[in-house]
Amino acid sequence: MDTSTFLEMLQYSPQLPKTSAPPPPLYYPIIEKAFQTGDTLICIHPSSKTSGTMRSAQVASQDFPAADIRIVDTQTVACNLGTLVLLANQ
């Protein structure tokens, strides 16, 4: 959905949009790929105080006990989170 469509829906819809954490199975293909290639997977998430995303990653990681998965609670959101991701990629 593009920005203008979203803003139009926001203006005329009687209900506000909601967010939700991704379900753990959405992590599986990413974890499987990292595990198969022997890579360490670093999951950098928004604050666990404001999002269930980190918890979903924790639940998903339990299904891959042999995988090297590092789950990071950044305790931040928005621009700060993006900066941390860029720094982690260096």
N, C-alpha and C. Protein backbone atom coordinates (compact mmCIF):
# COMPACT_ATOMS: atom_id res chain seq x y z
N MET A 1 0.85 -1.17 0.00
CA MET A 1 0.00 0.00 0.00
C MET A 1 0.89 1.23 0.00
N ASP A 2 0.60 2.16 -0.87
CA ASP A 2 1.41 3.38 -0.91
C ASP A 2 0.91 4.38 0.14
N THR A 3 1.70 5.42 0.35
CA THR A 3 1.41 6.39 1.41
C THR A 3 0.08 7.10 1.20
N SER A 4 -0.21 7.51 -0.01
CA SER A 4 -1.45 8.26 -0.25
C SER A 4 -2.68 7.39 0.02
N THR A 5 -2.62 6.12 -0.35
CA THR A 5 -3.74 5.21 -0.08
C THR A 5 -3.93 5.04 1.42
N PHE A 6 -2.82 4.87 2.13
CA PHE A 6 -2.89 4.72 3.58
C PHE A 6 -3.51 5.95 4.23
N LEU A 7 -3.04 7.13 3.83
CA LEU A 7 -3.55 8.37 4.42
C LEU A 7 -5.03 8.58 4.12
N GLU A 8 -5.45 8.19 2.93
CA GLU A 8 -6.87 8.30 2.58
C GLU A 8 -7.70 7.35 3.45
N MET A 9 -7.23 6.14 3.60
CA MET A 9 -7.94 5.18 4.45
C MET A 9 -7.99 5.68 5.89
N LEU A 10 -6.90 6.24 6.35
CA LEU A 10 -6.83 6.76 7.71
C LEU A 10 -7.85 7.87 7.92
N GLN A 11 -8.01 8.71 6.92
CA GLN A 11 -8.93 9.84 7.02
C GLN A 11 -10.39 9.40 7.05
N TYR A 12 -10.74 8.38 6.28
CA TYR A 12 -12.15 8.03 6.13
C TYR A 12 -12.58 6.76 6.87
N SER A 13 -11.67 6.01 7.38
CA SER A 13 -12.03 4.77 8.05
C SER A 13 -12.48 5.05 9.49
N PRO A 14 -13.51 4.37 9.95
CA PRO A 14 -13.95 4.57 11.34
C PRO A 14 -13.01 3.90 12.36
N GLN A 15 -12.15 3.01 11.88
CA GLN A 15 -11.23 2.31 12.79
C GLN A 15 -9.80 2.73 12.50
N LEU A 16 -9.03 2.90 13.57
CA LEU A 16 -7.62 3.23 13.42
C LEU A 16 -6.84 1.97 13.09
N PRO A 17 -5.74 2.10 12.36
CA PRO A 17 -4.92 0.93 12.05
C PRO A 17 -4.26 0.39 13.31
N LYS A 18 -3.96 -0.89 13.28
CA LYS A 18 -3.31 -1.55 14.41
C LYS A 18 -2.05 -2.23 13.91
N THR A 19 -1.16 -2.49 14.82
CA THR A 19 0.05 -3.23 14.48
C THR A 19 0.05 -4.54 15.26
N SER A 20 0.84 -5.47 14.80
CA SER A 20 1.01 -6.72 15.53
C SER A 20 2.38 -7.28 15.21
N ALA A 21 2.89 -8.04 16.14
CA ALA A 21 4.20 -8.66 15.95
C ALA A 21 4.08 -9.77 14.91
N PRO A 22 5.14 -10.01 14.16
CA PRO A 22 5.11 -11.13 13.21
C PRO A 22 5.03 -12.45 13.98
N PRO A 23 4.26 -13.40 13.49
CA PRO A 23 4.20 -14.69 14.17
C PRO A 23 5.55 -15.42 14.03
N PRO A 24 5.91 -16.23 15.02
CA PRO A 24 7.20 -16.93 14.98
C PRO A 24 7.49 -17.67 13.67
N PRO A 25 6.51 -18.34 13.02
CA PRO A 25 6.84 -19.05 11.78
C PRO A 25 7.40 -18.17 10.66
N LEU A 26 7.16 -16.87 10.70
CA LEU A 26 7.74 -16.00 9.68
C LEU A 26 9.26 -15.92 9.80
N TYR A 27 9.78 -16.22 10.95
CA TYR A 27 11.23 -16.22 11.16
C TYR A 27 11.90 -17.49 10.61
N TYR A 28 11.15 -18.57 10.48
CA TYR A 28 11.74 -19.86 10.13
C TYR A 28 12.61 -19.84 8.88
N PRO A 29 12.16 -19.30 7.74
CA PRO A 29 13.02 -19.33 6.55
C PRO A 29 14.34 -18.59 6.76
N ILE A 30 14.30 -17.51 7.50
CA ILE A 30 15.52 -16.73 7.76
C ILE A 30 16.46 -17.52 8.65
N ILE A 31 15.91 -18.12 9.70
CA ILE A 31 16.74 -18.92 10.61
C ILE A 31 17.31 -20.12 9.88
N GLU A 32 16.49 -20.80 9.10
CA GLU A 32 16.95 -21.98 8.36
C GLU A 32 18.10 -21.63 7.42
N LYS A 33 17.98 -20.52 6.71
CA LYS A 33 19.04 -20.11 5.78
C LYS A 33 20.34 -19.83 6.51
N ALA A 34 20.26 -19.10 7.62
CA ALA A 34 21.47 -18.80 8.40
C ALA A 34 22.07 -20.08 8.95
N PHE A 35 21.23 -20.99 9.42
CA PHE A 35 21.73 -22.25 9.98
C PHE A 35 22.40 -23.10 8.90
N GLN A 36 21.79 -23.19 7.73
CA GLN A 36 22.35 -24.01 6.65
C GLN A 36 23.68 -23.48 6.14
N THR A 37 23.87 -22.18 6.20
CA THR A 37 25.13 -21.59 5.72
C THR A 37 26.15 -21.41 6.84
N GLY A 38 25.75 -21.77 8.07
CA GLY A 38 26.67 -21.66 9.20
C GLY A 38 26.86 -20.24 9.70
N ASP A 39 25.96 -19.36 9.31
CA ASP A 39 26.07 -17.96 9.73
C ASP A 39 25.45 -17.75 11.11
N THR A 40 25.94 -16.73 11.78
CA THR A 40 25.31 -16.27 13.01
C THR A 40 24.19 -15.31 12.61
N LEU A 41 23.03 -15.48 13.19
CA LEU A 41 21.90 -14.61 12.91
C LEU A 41 21.77 -13.62 14.06
N ILE A 42 21.86 -12.34 13.73
CA ILE A 42 21.68 -11.29 14.73
C ILE A 42 20.34 -10.63 14.46
N CYS A 43 19.42 -10.78 15.39
CA CYS A 43 18.08 -10.20 15.27
C CYS A 43 18.02 -8.94 16.13
N ILE A 44 17.92 -7.81 15.48
CA ILE A 44 17.89 -6.52 16.18
C ILE A 44 16.45 -6.02 16.17
N HIS A 45 15.89 -5.90 17.36
CA HIS A 45 14.45 -5.62 17.48
C HIS A 45 14.16 -4.33 18.22
N PRO A 46 12.96 -3.77 17.96
CA PRO A 46 12.54 -2.63 18.76
C PRO A 46 12.35 -3.05 20.22
N SER A 47 12.24 -2.08 21.07
CA SER A 47 12.11 -2.32 22.50
C SER A 47 11.03 -3.36 22.80
N SER A 48 11.38 -4.31 23.64
CA SER A 48 10.39 -5.32 24.05
C SER A 48 9.29 -4.70 24.89
N LYS A 49 9.51 -3.48 25.38
CA LYS A 49 8.48 -2.79 26.16
C LYS A 49 7.37 -2.22 25.27
N THR A 50 7.67 -2.05 23.98
CA THR A 50 6.68 -1.46 23.08
C THR A 50 6.26 -2.38 21.94
N SER A 51 6.91 -3.53 21.82
CA SER A 51 6.63 -4.42 20.69
C SER A 51 6.79 -5.88 21.10
N GLY A 52 5.99 -6.73 20.50
CA GLY A 52 6.10 -8.17 20.73
C GLY A 52 7.02 -8.86 19.74
N THR A 53 7.68 -8.08 18.89
CA THR A 53 8.53 -8.63 17.84
C THR A 53 9.66 -9.46 18.42
N MET A 54 10.31 -8.97 19.45
CA MET A 54 11.42 -9.70 20.04
C MET A 54 10.96 -11.04 20.62
N ARG A 55 9.81 -11.04 21.26
CA ARG A 55 9.28 -12.27 21.83
C ARG A 55 9.00 -13.29 20.72
N SER A 56 8.49 -12.85 19.60
CA SER A 56 8.25 -13.76 18.47
C SER A 56 9.56 -14.39 18.01
N ALA A 57 10.62 -13.60 17.95
CA ALA A 57 11.92 -14.13 17.55
C ALA A 57 12.43 -15.14 18.57
N GLN A 58 12.22 -14.87 19.85
CA GLN A 58 12.65 -15.81 20.89
C GLN A 58 11.92 -17.14 20.76
N VAL A 59 10.63 -17.07 20.54
CA VAL A 59 9.83 -18.29 20.38
C VAL A 59 10.31 -19.07 19.16
N ALA A 60 10.51 -18.39 18.05
CA ALA A 60 10.98 -19.05 16.83
C ALA A 60 12.34 -19.68 17.03
N SER A 61 13.23 -19.00 17.73
CA SER A 61 14.59 -19.52 17.92
C SER A 61 14.60 -20.81 18.73
N GLN A 62 13.60 -21.02 19.56
CA GLN A 62 13.54 -22.24 20.37
C GLN A 62 13.36 -23.48 19.50
N ASP A 63 12.85 -23.31 18.29
CA ASP A 63 12.68 -24.44 17.38
C ASP A 63 13.97 -24.78 16.63
N PHE A 64 15.03 -23.99 16.86
CA PHE A 64 16.32 -24.20 16.20
C PHE A 64 17.44 -24.13 17.24
N PRO A 65 17.46 -25.08 18.17
CA PRO A 65 18.44 -24.99 19.27
C PRO A 65 19.90 -25.04 18.82
N ALA A 66 20.18 -25.62 17.67
CA ALA A 66 21.57 -25.72 17.20
C ALA A 66 22.02 -24.48 16.43
N ALA A 67 21.10 -23.60 16.09
CA ALA A 67 21.45 -22.40 15.33
C ALA A 67 22.05 -21.34 16.25
N ASP A 68 22.99 -20.57 15.71
CA ASP A 68 23.62 -19.48 16.46
C ASP A 68 22.80 -18.22 16.22
N ILE A 69 21.90 -17.94 17.13
CA ILE A 69 20.98 -16.81 16.99
C ILE A 69 21.19 -15.86 18.16
N ARG A 70 21.43 -14.60 17.86
CA ARG A 70 21.60 -13.57 18.88
C ARG A 70 20.41 -12.62 18.75
N ILE A 71 19.61 -12.53 19.79
CA ILE A 71 18.43 -11.67 19.77
C ILE A 71 18.72 -10.46 20.65
N VAL A 72 18.61 -9.28 20.05
CA VAL A 72 18.98 -8.04 20.73
C VAL A 72 17.75 -7.19 20.98
N ASP A 73 17.54 -6.83 22.24
CA ASP A 73 16.50 -5.87 22.60
C ASP A 73 17.16 -4.50 22.62
N THR A 74 16.90 -3.69 21.62
CA THR A 74 17.57 -2.39 21.51
C THR A 74 17.06 -1.38 22.52
N GLN A 75 15.93 -1.66 23.11
CA GLN A 75 15.30 -0.74 24.06
C GLN A 75 15.07 0.64 23.44
N THR A 76 14.84 0.64 22.14
CA THR A 76 14.57 1.88 21.42
C THR A 76 13.66 1.58 20.23
N VAL A 77 13.22 2.63 19.57
CA VAL A 77 12.38 2.50 18.37
C VAL A 77 12.77 3.58 17.37
N ALA A 78 12.18 3.52 16.21
CA ALA A 78 12.30 4.54 15.16
C ALA A 78 13.72 4.74 14.67
N CYS A 79 14.14 5.98 14.53
CA CYS A 79 15.44 6.31 13.93
C CYS A 79 16.60 5.68 14.68
N ASN A 80 16.51 5.65 15.99
CA ASN A 80 17.59 5.05 16.77
C ASN A 80 17.78 3.58 16.41
N LEU A 81 16.70 2.89 16.19
CA LEU A 81 16.76 1.48 15.82
C LEU A 81 17.44 1.31 14.47
N GLY A 82 17.09 2.15 13.51
CA GLY A 82 17.72 2.09 12.19
C GLY A 82 19.21 2.33 12.25
N THR A 83 19.63 3.26 13.07
CA THR A 83 21.06 3.54 13.23
C THR A 83 21.79 2.33 13.79
N LEU A 84 21.20 1.65 14.76
CA LEU A 84 21.82 0.46 15.33
C LEU A 84 21.96 -0.65 14.29
N VAL A 85 20.96 -0.80 13.45
CA VAL A 85 21.03 -1.82 12.39
C VAL A 85 22.15 -1.49 11.42
N LEU A 86 22.26 -0.24 11.02
CA LEU A 86 23.34 0.16 10.10
C LEU A 86 24.71 -0.06 10.73
N LEU A 87 24.86 0.26 11.99
CA LEU A 87 26.14 0.05 12.67
C LEU A 87 26.47 -1.44 12.79
N ALA A 88 25.47 -2.26 13.04
CA ALA A 88 25.69 -3.70 13.16
C ALA A 88 26.15 -4.31 11.84
N ASN A 89 25.80 -3.69 10.75
CA ASN A 89 26.17 -4.20 9.43
C ASN A 89 27.61 -3.87 9.05
N GLN A 90 28.27 -3.01 9.81
CA GLN A 90 29.65 -2.62 9.48
C GLN A 90 30.64 -3.68 9.91
